[in-house]
Amino acid sequence: MTVIEHTDSSPANLSPTTVLYLVPTPIGNLRDITLRALDVLQEVDLILAEDTRTSAVLLQHYNIQKSISPYHQHNEHKVLQHLVDQLKNGKRMALITDAGTPGISDPAFLLVRACIQAGVQVETLPGATAFVPALVNSGIPSTRFCFEGFLPLKKGRQTLLKTLAEEERTIILYESPQRLIKTLEECCNYFGEERWCSVSRELTKRFEENFRGSLRDCIIHFSAKTIKGELVIVLAGKP
């Protein structure tokens, strides 16, 4: 007999002991947010945001009127201890990023680690992450993969590319529009121009695009157009 566990469906039902919530936000389409995420954002005492201006659009869309404070790579070390102290005193906070799940290519890790070390409980909600739809939509095997995020801009970049050229698992990278062609050309040099690749941009938005082909095909395609939006590159592993 299958037993189905029913959870409390009351509005937020925040845990009395869990005081830091990691809340995923939509990567494009504002409707891609869970009901539970909205409940948490409505109930916490403070929302920490990577960019308060970007997050304000989402919060205003759902009429969430809460105190919002910046937490990003430029101030994380300065505000870290103050935030932990507030959390230890019982202040409930939600950490959100500009788009997607906090902790994926953003500074959430430091706060989470500090909370764990201080005995503060952390709860992570499931939700949007850009690389997942890009991966499963690529047509490239997804049973085993490695996520590298953004490549280093300078130090260690070439060394990492040499290592990834030997990687047999599917490889996932993030990239900006300004650096896409350069990154594809470097991958072409290290992996070979026939390595299969999928490039996704503007995921979940009106002008979403998923282009699949060899690295050479991708370079030709994106060199002929103006590139907008953050991108996910999915590369087949070494044969």
C-alpha atoms as a PDB file:
ATOM      1  CA  MET A   1       0.000   0.000   0.000  1.00  0.00           C
ATOM      2  CA  THR A   2       1.296   3.457  -0.922  1.00  0.00           C
ATOM      3  CA  VAL A   3       1.194   6.042   1.840  1.00  0.00           C
ATOM      4  CA  ILE A   4       1.016   9.689   0.766  1.00  0.00           C
ATOM      5  CA  GLU A   5       2.174  12.216   3.320  1.00  0.00           C
ATOM      6  CA  HIS A   6       0.065  15.373   3.363  1.00  0.00           C
ATOM      7  CA  THR A   7       1.844  18.584   4.305  1.00  0.00           C
ATOM      8  CA  ASP A   8       0.323  21.653   5.884  1.00  0.00           C
ATOM      9  CA  SER A   9      -1.183  23.842   3.148  1.00  0.00           C
ATOM     10  CA  SER A  10      -1.734  26.856   5.382  1.00  0.00           C
ATOM     11  CA  PRO A  11      -0.266  30.112   3.995  1.00  0.00           C
ATOM     12  CA  ALA A  12       3.360  30.103   5.076  1.00  0.00           C
ATOM     13  CA  ASN A  13       3.682  27.927   8.176  1.00  0.00           C
ATOM     14  CA  LEU A  14       7.228  29.175   8.737  1.00  0.00           C
ATOM     15  CA  SER A  15       9.313  27.049  11.033  1.00  0.00           C
ATOM     16  CA  PRO A  16       9.818  28.695  14.426  1.00  0.00           C
ATOM     17  CA  THR A  17      13.468  27.604  14.420  1.00  0.00           C
ATOM     18  CA  THR A  18      14.459  28.038  10.777  1.00  0.00           C
ATOM     19  CA  VAL A  19      15.331  31.687  10.296  1.00  0.00           C
ATOM     20  CA  LEU A  20      17.161  31.837   6.954  1.00  0.00           C
ATOM     21  CA  TYR A  21      15.282  30.804   3.812  1.00  0.00           C
ATOM     22  CA  LEU A  22      16.925  30.446   0.425  1.00  0.00           C
ATOM     23  CA  VAL A  23      14.181  31.317  -2.038  1.00  0.00           C
ATOM     24  CA  PRO A  24      14.573  30.689  -5.791  1.00  0.00           C
ATOM     25  CA  THR A  25      13.155  33.388  -8.058  1.00  0.00           C
ATOM     26  CA  PRO A  26      12.094  33.211 -11.731  1.00  0.00           C
ATOM     27  CA  ILE A  27      14.861  33.239 -14.337  1.00  0.00           C
ATOM     28  CA  GLY A  28      12.648  35.207 -16.709  1.00  0.00           C
ATOM     29  CA  ASN A  29       8.914  34.563 -16.632  1.00  0.00           C
ATOM     30  CA  LEU A  30       7.576  36.052 -13.392  1.00  0.00           C
ATOM     31  CA  ARG A  31       4.975  33.278 -13.133  1.00  0.00           C
ATOM     32  CA  ASP A  32       7.698  30.685 -12.562  1.00  0.00           C
ATOM     33  CA  ILE A  33       7.657  31.038  -8.775  1.00  0.00           C
ATOM     34  CA  THR A  34       6.132  28.631  -6.285  1.00  0.00           C
ATOM     35  CA  LEU A  35       3.230  29.425  -3.994  1.00  0.00           C
ATOM     36  CA  ARG A  36       5.404  28.507  -1.035  1.00  0.00           C
ATOM     37  CA  ALA A  37       8.103  30.958  -2.134  1.00  0.00           C
ATOM     38  CA  LEU A  38       5.529  33.747  -2.238  1.00  0.00           C
ATOM     39  CA  ASP A  39       4.274  32.773   1.225  1.00  0.00           C
ATOM     40  CA  VAL A  40       7.778  32.896   2.677  1.00  0.00           C
ATOM     41  CA  LEU A  41       8.556  36.265   1.101  1.00  0.00           C
ATOM     42  CA  GLN A  42       5.324  37.632   2.547  1.00  0.00           C
ATOM     43  CA  GLU A  43       6.079  36.383   6.067  1.00  0.00           C
ATOM     44  CA  VAL A  44       9.791  36.978   6.713  1.00  0.00           C
ATOM     45  CA  ASP A  45      11.093  40.067   8.486  1.00  0.00           C
ATOM     46  CA  LEU A  46      13.739  40.958   5.896  1.00  0.00           C
ATOM     47  CA  ILE A  47      14.539  40.050   2.289  1.00  0.00           C
ATOM     48  CA  LEU A  48      18.190  39.974   1.219  1.00  0.00           C
ATOM     49  CA  ALA A  49      18.645  40.613  -2.495  1.00  0.00           C
ATOM     50  CA  GLU A  50      21.560  40.531  -4.898  1.00  0.00           C
ATOM     51  CA  ASP A  51      20.229  43.654  -6.643  1.00  0.00           C
ATOM     52  CA  THR A  52      17.404  45.422  -4.843  1.00  0.00           C
ATOM     53  CA  ARG A  53      16.275  47.166  -8.037  1.00  0.00           C
ATOM     54  CA  THR A  54      15.926  43.912  -9.947  1.00  0.00           C
ATOM     55  CA  SER A  55      14.174  42.177  -7.065  1.00  0.00           C
ATOM     56  CA  ALA A  56      11.816  45.120  -6.593  1.00  0.00           C
ATOM     57  CA  VAL A  57      10.186  44.284  -9.934  1.00  0.00           C
ATOM     58  CA  LEU A  58       9.281  40.790  -8.714  1.00  0.00           C
ATOM     59  CA  LEU A  59       8.142  41.955  -5.289  1.00  0.00           C
ATOM     60  CA  GLN A  60       5.980  44.721  -6.716  1.00  0.00           C
ATOM     61  CA  HIS A  61       4.449  42.286  -9.207  1.00  0.00           C
ATOM     62  CA  TYR A  62       3.214  40.135  -6.327  1.00  0.00           C
ATOM     63  CA  ASN A  63       2.459  43.079  -4.008  1.00  0.00           C
ATOM     64  CA  ILE A  64       5.059  41.997  -1.451  1.00  0.00           C
ATOM     65  CA  GLN A  65       5.899  44.951   0.754  1.00  0.00           C
ATOM     66  CA  LYS A  66       8.839  43.952   2.906  1.00  0.00           C
ATOM     67  CA  SER A  67      12.106  45.507   4.002  1.00  0.00           C
ATOM     68  CA  ILE A  68      14.783  44.662   1.468  1.00  0.00           C
ATOM     69  CA  SER A  69      18.530  44.889   1.941  1.00  0.00           C
ATOM     70  CA  PRO A  70      21.423  44.300  -0.512  1.00  0.00           C
ATOM     71  CA  TYR A  71      23.604  41.219  -0.181  1.00  0.00           C
ATOM     72  CA  HIS A  72      26.070  40.705  -3.024  1.00  0.00           C
ATOM     73  CA  GLN A  73      29.722  39.992  -3.825  1.00  0.00           C
ATOM     74  CA  HIS A  74      30.774  43.580  -3.118  1.00  0.00           C
ATOM     75  CA  ASN A  75      29.424  43.792   0.439  1.00  0.00           C
ATOM     76  CA  GLU A  76      29.139  40.184   1.615  1.00  0.00           C
ATOM     77  CA  HIS A  77      32.172  40.266   3.913  1.00  0.00           C
ATOM     78  CA  LYS A  78      31.143  43.602   5.449  1.00  0.00           C
ATOM     79  CA  VAL A  79      27.577  42.615   6.346  1.00  0.00           C
ATOM     80  CA  LEU A  80      28.048  38.890   7.019  1.00  0.00           C
ATOM     81  CA  GLN A  81      28.524  38.988  10.798  1.00  0.00           C
ATOM     82  CA  HIS A  82      25.786  41.570  11.274  1.00  0.00           C
ATOM     83  CA  LEU A  83      23.317  39.366   9.401  1.00  0.00           C
ATOM     84  CA  VAL A  84      24.271  36.280  11.398  1.00  0.00           C
ATOM     85  CA  ASP A  85      23.838  38.210  14.644  1.00  0.00           C
ATOM     86  CA  GLN A  86      20.361  39.305  13.566  1.00  0.00           C
ATOM     87  CA  LEU A  87      19.453  35.757  12.602  1.00  0.00           C
ATOM     88  CA  LYS A  88      20.655  34.422  15.956  1.00  0.00           C
ATOM     89  CA  ASN A  89      18.399  36.964  17.637  1.00  0.00           C
ATOM     90  CA  GLY A  90      15.397  35.468  15.870  1.00  0.00           C
ATOM     91  CA  LYS A  91      15.000  37.677  12.810  1.00  0.00           C
ATOM     92  CA  ARG A  92      13.596  35.680   9.923  1.00  0.00           C
ATOM     93  CA  MET A  93      15.231  36.384   6.557  1.00  0.00           C
ATOM     94  CA  ALA A  94      14.808  35.260   2.968  1.00  0.00           C
ATOM     95  CA  LEU A  95      17.767  35.360   0.598  1.00  0.00           C
ATOM     96  CA  ILE A  96      17.018  35.782  -3.088  1.00  0.00           C
ATOM     97  CA  THR A  97      19.187  36.304  -6.138  1.00  0.00           C
ATOM     98  CA  ASP A  98      18.516  38.278  -9.314  1.00  0.00           C
ATOM     99  CA  ALA A  99      17.251  35.104 -10.965  1.00  0.00           C
ATOM    100  CA  GLY A 100      17.307  31.430 -10.089  1.00  0.00           C
ATOM    101  CA  THR A 101      18.407  29.604  -6.960  1.00  0.00           C
ATOM    102  CA  PRO A 102      20.634  31.368  -4.407  1.00  0.00           C
ATOM    103  CA  GLY A 103      24.055  29.768  -4.157  1.00  0.00           C
ATOM    104  CA  ILE A 104      24.400  28.947  -7.859  1.00  0.00           C
ATOM    105  CA  SER A 105      27.100  31.323  -9.181  1.00  0.00           C
ATOM    106  CA  ASP A 106      26.367  33.979  -6.549  1.00  0.00           C
ATOM    107  CA  PRO A 107      27.616  34.788  -2.996  1.00  0.00           C
ATOM    108  CA  ALA A 108      24.921  32.930  -0.999  1.00  0.00           C
ATOM    109  CA  PHE A 109      27.464  30.260  -0.027  1.00  0.00           C
ATOM    110  CA  LEU A 110      29.259  32.508   2.478  1.00  0.00           C
ATOM    111  CA  LEU A 111      26.099  33.340   4.395  1.00  0.00           C
ATOM    112  CA  VAL A 112      24.925  29.733   4.416  1.00  0.00           C
ATOM    113  CA  ARG A 113      28.287  28.537   5.746  1.00  0.00           C
ATOM    114  CA  ALA A 114      28.353  31.252   8.409  1.00  0.00           C
ATOM    115  CA  CYS A 115      24.841  30.318   9.521  1.00  0.00           C
ATOM    116  CA  ILE A 116      25.744  26.645   9.811  1.00  0.00           C
ATOM    117  CA  GLN A 117      28.848  27.482  11.828  1.00  0.00           C
ATOM    118  CA  ALA A 118      26.790  29.732  14.128  1.00  0.00           C
ATOM    119  CA  GLY A 119      24.097  27.130  14.691  1.00  0.00           C
ATOM    120  CA  VAL A 120      21.493  29.006  12.649  1.00  0.00           C
ATOM    121  CA  GLN A 121      19.176  26.728  10.707  1.00  0.00           C
ATOM    122  CA  VAL A 122      18.841  27.169   6.964  1.00  0.00           C
ATOM    123  CA  GLU A 123      15.973  26.012   4.777  1.00  0.00           C
ATOM    124  CA  THR A 124      16.209  25.905   0.981  1.00  0.00           C
ATOM    125  CA  LEU A 125      13.110  25.996  -1.188  1.00  0.00           C
ATOM    126  CA  PRO A 126      13.083  24.202  -4.556  1.00  0.00           C
ATOM    127  CA  GLY A 127      12.663  26.284  -7.670  1.00  0.00           C
ATOM    128  CA  ALA A 128      14.072  27.788 -10.834  1.00  0.00           C
ATOM    129  CA  THR A 129      17.682  27.262 -11.930  1.00  0.00           C
ATOM    130  CA  ALA A 130      18.803  28.239 -15.431  1.00  0.00           C
ATOM    131  CA  PHE A 131      21.102  25.300 -16.154  1.00  0.00           C
ATOM    132  CA  VAL A 132      18.465  22.597 -15.577  1.00  0.00           C
ATOM    133  CA  PRO A 133      16.112  23.488 -18.462  1.00  0.00           C
ATOM    134  CA  ALA A 134      19.108  24.254 -20.674  1.00  0.00           C
ATOM    135  CA  LEU A 135      20.578  20.825 -19.952  1.00  0.00           C
ATOM    136  CA  VAL A 136      17.456  18.722 -20.437  1.00  0.00           C
ATOM    137  CA  ASN A 137      16.532  20.723 -23.554  1.00  0.00           C
ATOM    138  CA  SER A 138      19.963  20.329 -25.151  1.00  0.00           C
ATOM    139  CA  GLY A 139      19.595  16.789 -26.409  1.00  0.00           C
ATOM    140  CA  ILE A 140      22.991  16.028 -24.846  1.00  0.00           C
ATOM    141  CA  PRO A 141      23.165  13.181 -22.277  1.00  0.00           C
ATOM    142  CA  SER A 142      22.196  14.430 -18.811  1.00  0.00           C
ATOM    143  CA  THR A 143      22.797  11.319 -16.733  1.00  0.00           C
ATOM    144  CA  ARG A 144      26.259  12.581 -15.764  1.00  0.00           C
ATOM    145  CA  PHE A 145      27.338  16.200 -15.988  1.00  0.00           C
ATOM    146  CA  CYS A 146      29.599  18.792 -14.386  1.00  0.00           C
ATOM    147  CA  PHE A 147      28.524  22.370 -13.718  1.00  0.00           C
ATOM    148  CA  GLU A 148      31.334  24.928 -14.017  1.00  0.00           C
ATOM    149  CA  GLY A 149      29.313  28.151 -14.022  1.00  0.00           C
ATOM    150  CA  PHE A 150      31.270  31.168 -15.270  1.00  0.00           C
ATOM    151  CA  LEU A 151      34.819  30.433 -16.397  1.00  0.00           C
ATOM    152  CA  PRO A 152      37.574  32.489 -14.710  1.00  0.00           C
ATOM    153  CA  LEU A 153      38.133  35.707 -16.624  1.00  0.00           C
ATOM    154  CA  LYS A 154      41.933  35.476 -16.514  1.00  0.00           C
ATOM    155  CA  LYS A 155      43.855  33.446 -13.948  1.00  0.00           C
ATOM    156  CA  GLY A 156      43.302  29.718 -14.350  1.00  0.00           C
ATOM    157  CA  ARG A 157      41.068  30.031 -17.413  1.00  0.00           C
ATOM    158  CA  GLN A 158      43.324  28.221 -19.889  1.00  0.00           C
ATOM    159  CA  THR A 159      44.246  25.545 -17.361  1.00  0.00           C
ATOM    160  CA  LEU A 160      40.586  24.849 -16.680  1.00  0.00           C
ATOM    161  CA  LEU A 161      39.760  24.646 -20.381  1.00  0.00           C
ATOM    162  CA  LYS A 162      42.557  22.107 -20.872  1.00  0.00           C
ATOM    163  CA  THR A 163      41.106  20.017 -18.044  1.00  0.00           C
ATOM    164  CA  LEU A 164      37.549  20.276 -19.373  1.00  0.00           C
ATOM    165  CA  ALA A 165      38.729  19.171 -22.809  1.00  0.00           C
ATOM    166  CA  GLU A 166      39.353  15.726 -21.275  1.00  0.00           C
ATOM    167  CA  GLU A 167      36.068  15.647 -19.329  1.00  0.00           C
ATOM    168  CA  GLU A 168      33.816  12.780 -20.427  1.00  0.00           C
ATOM    169  CA  ARG A 169      30.702  14.088 -18.684  1.00  0.00           C
ATOM    170  CA  THR A 170      28.446  16.753 -20.166  1.00  0.00           C
ATOM    171  CA  ILE A 171      29.789  20.230 -19.324  1.00  0.00           C
ATOM    172  CA  ILE A 172      27.618  23.208 -18.363  1.00  0.00           C
ATOM    173  CA  LEU A 173      28.868  26.807 -18.468  1.00  0.00           C
ATOM    174  CA  TYR A 174      27.296  30.207 -17.868  1.00  0.00           C
ATOM    175  CA  GLU A 175      28.304  33.140 -20.037  1.00  0.00           C
ATOM    176  CA  SER A 176      27.443  36.776 -20.728  1.00  0.00           C
ATOM    177  CA  PRO A 177      26.497  38.104 -24.199  1.00  0.00           C
ATOM    178  CA  GLN A 178      29.720  40.124 -24.419  1.00  0.00           C
ATOM    179  CA  ARG A 179      31.965  37.074 -23.933  1.00  0.00           C
ATOM    180  CA  LEU A 180      29.979  34.337 -25.666  1.00  0.00           C
ATOM    181  CA  ILE A 181      31.880  34.299 -28.969  1.00  0.00           C
ATOM    182  CA  LYS A 182      35.270  34.421 -27.235  1.00  0.00           C
ATOM    183  CA  THR A 183      34.328  31.500 -24.997  1.00  0.00           C
ATOM    184  CA  LEU A 184      32.961  29.445 -27.895  1.00  0.00           C
ATOM    185  CA  GLU A 185      36.148  30.103 -29.887  1.00  0.00           C
ATOM    186  CA  GLU A 186      38.323  29.027 -26.949  1.00  0.00           C
ATOM    187  CA  CYS A 187      36.243  25.877 -26.505  1.00  0.00           C
ATOM    188  CA  CYS A 188      36.641  25.248 -30.217  1.00  0.00           C
ATOM    189  CA  ASN A 189      40.435  25.483 -29.863  1.00  0.00           C
ATOM    190  CA  TYR A 190      40.595  23.091 -26.906  1.00  0.00           C
ATOM    191  CA  PHE A 191      37.708  20.704 -27.627  1.00  0.00           C
ATOM    192  CA  GLY A 192      37.707  20.708 -31.414  1.00  0.00           C
ATOM    193  CA  GLU A 193      35.254  22.480 -33.700  1.00  0.00           C
ATOM    194  CA  GLU A 194      33.059  19.389 -34.112  1.00  0.00           C
ATOM    195  CA  ARG A 195      32.290  19.033 -30.395  1.00  0.00           C
ATOM    196  CA  TRP A 196      28.495  19.086 -30.038  1.00  0.00           C
ATOM    197  CA  CYS A 197      27.078  22.056 -28.204  1.00  0.00           C
ATOM    198  CA  SER A 198      23.786  23.690 -27.219  1.00  0.00           C
ATOM    199  CA  VAL A 199      23.490  27.381 -26.368  1.00  0.00           C
ATOM    200  CA  SER A 200      20.366  28.648 -24.584  1.00  0.00           C
ATOM    201  CA  ARG A 201      19.517  32.276 -24.035  1.00  0.00           C
ATOM    202  CA  GLU A 202      16.558  34.230 -22.633  1.00  0.00           C
ATOM    203  CA  LEU A 203      15.189  31.037 -21.058  1.00  0.00           C
ATOM    204  CA  THR A 204      11.455  31.215 -20.173  1.00  0.00           C
ATOM    205  CA  LYS A 205      11.175  34.629 -21.840  1.00  0.00           C
ATOM    206  CA  ARG A 206       9.360  35.673 -25.006  1.00  0.00           C
ATOM    207  CA  PHE A 207      12.433  35.444 -27.235  1.00  0.00           C
ATOM    208  CA  GLU A 208      13.885  32.234 -25.789  1.00  0.00           C
ATOM    209  CA  GLU A 209      16.369  30.566 -28.111  1.00  0.00           C
ATOM    210  CA  ASN A 210      18.009  27.151 -27.986  1.00  0.00           C
ATOM    211  CA  PHE A 211      20.592  26.615 -30.710  1.00  0.00           C
ATOM    212  CA  ARG A 212      22.143  23.180 -31.142  1.00  0.00           C
ATOM    213  CA  GLY A 213      25.032  22.167 -33.345  1.00  0.00           C
ATOM    214  CA  SER A 214      28.805  21.823 -33.435  1.00  0.00           C
ATOM    215  CA  LEU A 215      30.938  24.496 -31.797  1.00  0.00           C
ATOM    216  CA  ARG A 216      31.703  25.777 -35.282  1.00  0.00           C
ATOM    217  CA  ASP A 217      27.965  26.023 -36.054  1.00  0.00           C
ATOM    218  CA  CYS A 218      27.331  27.918 -32.805  1.00  0.00           C
ATOM    219  CA  ILE A 219      30.090  30.444 -33.551  1.00  0.00           C
ATOM    220  CA  ILE A 220      28.719  31.104 -37.035  1.00  0.00           C
ATOM    221  CA  HIS A 221      25.145  31.425 -35.776  1.00  0.00           C
ATOM    222  CA  PHE A 222      25.801  33.827 -32.911  1.00  0.00           C
ATOM    223  CA  SER A 223      28.434  35.858 -34.762  1.00  0.00           C
ATOM    224  CA  ALA A 224      25.742  36.891 -37.237  1.00  0.00           C
ATOM    225  CA  LYS A 225      23.382  38.434 -34.704  1.00  0.00           C
ATOM    226  CA  THR A 226      23.128  40.769 -31.724  1.00  0.00           C
ATOM    227  CA  ILE A 227      23.268  38.678 -28.569  1.00  0.00           C
ATOM    228  CA  LYS A 228      21.103  39.613 -25.588  1.00  0.00           C
ATOM    229  CA  GLY A 229      20.388  37.933 -22.272  1.00  0.00           C
ATOM    230  CA  GLU A 230      22.380  35.601 -20.064  1.00  0.00           C
ATOM    231  CA  LEU A 231      23.410  32.332 -21.697  1.00  0.00           C
ATOM    232  CA  VAL A 232      23.881  28.693 -20.777  1.00  0.00           C
ATOM    233  CA  ILE A 233      26.354  26.615 -22.802  1.00  0.00           C
ATOM    234  CA  VAL A 234      25.987  22.836 -22.700  1.00  0.00           C
ATOM    235  CA  LEU A 235      28.859  20.857 -24.201  1.00  0.00           C
ATOM    236  CA  ALA A 236      29.031  17.157 -24.929  1.00  0.00           C
ATOM    237  CA  GLY A 237      31.755  15.356 -23.023  1.00  0.00           C
ATOM    238  CA  LYS A 238      34.836  13.939 -24.704  1.00  0.00           C
ATOM    239  CA  PRO A 239      33.862  10.927 -26.823  1.00  0.00           C
END
